[in-house]
């Protein structure tokens, strides 16, 4: 959603971002990629040993 907001701002308001802002935007995108939840194809199984 944030990505769409940035691009709508560029299109509708004729905004121009500085190089620093583009770098910060890229860091945010990379961070979102690193913390996104992974989809599991199967249920996780907890294996315990009681011995």
Protein backbone atom coordinates (compact mmCIF):
# COMPACT_ATOMS: atom_id res chain seq x y z
CA UNK A 1 0.00 0.00 0.00
CA UNK A 2 2.81 2.38 0.82
CA UNK A 3 4.32 1.86 -2.60
CA UNK A 4 1.06 2.85 -4.28
CA UNK A 5 0.88 5.99 -2.13
CA UNK A 6 4.33 7.11 -3.20
CA UNK A 7 3.60 6.60 -6.88
CA UNK A 8 0.16 8.27 -6.67
CA UNK A 9 1.86 11.24 -5.02
CA UNK A 10 4.36 11.39 -7.86
CA UNK A 11 1.60 11.25 -10.50
CA UNK A 12 -1.14 13.38 -8.97
CA UNK A 13 0.85 16.06 -7.18
CA UNK A 14 3.80 16.21 -9.58
CA UNK A 15 6.10 15.52 -6.63
CA UNK A 16 9.83 15.10 -7.04
CA UNK A 17 11.82 13.06 -4.55
CA UNK A 18 15.45 13.69 -3.76
CA UNK A 19 18.10 11.00 -4.08
CA UNK A 20 18.09 10.67 -0.28
CA UNK A 21 14.33 10.02 -0.31
CA UNK A 22 14.67 7.36 -3.04
CA UNK A 23 17.42 5.63 -1.05
CA UNK A 24 15.24 5.70 2.07
CA UNK A 25 12.33 4.32 0.03
CA UNK A 26 14.55 1.49 -1.23
CA UNK A 27 15.69 0.65 2.30
CA UNK A 28 12.06 0.45 3.42
CA UNK A 29 11.17 -1.86 0.52
CA UNK A 30 14.12 -4.15 1.29
CA UNK A 31 13.15 -4.19 4.97
CA UNK A 32 9.56 -5.10 4.10
CA UNK A 33 10.83 -7.96 1.94
CA UNK A 34 13.03 -9.28 4.74
CA UNK A 35 10.28 -9.32 7.38
CA UNK A 36 7.34 -10.53 5.29
CA UNK A 37 5.65 -13.66 6.56
CA UNK A 38 6.42 -16.85 4.73
CA UNK A 39 3.54 -19.03 3.63
CA UNK A 40 3.63 -22.56 4.98
CA UNK A 41 2.58 -25.43 2.73
CA UNK A 42 2.05 -27.71 5.69
CA UNK A 43 1.29 -27.41 9.36
CA UNK A 44 4.37 -27.05 11.56
CA UNK A 45 5.11 -30.13 13.67
CA UNK A 46 6.66 -29.79 17.10
CA UNK A 47 8.77 -32.82 17.98
CA UNK A 48 9.63 -33.26 21.64
CA UNK A 49 11.61 -35.87 23.45
CA UNK A 50 10.50 -36.56 27.01
CA UNK A 51 13.47 -38.78 27.88
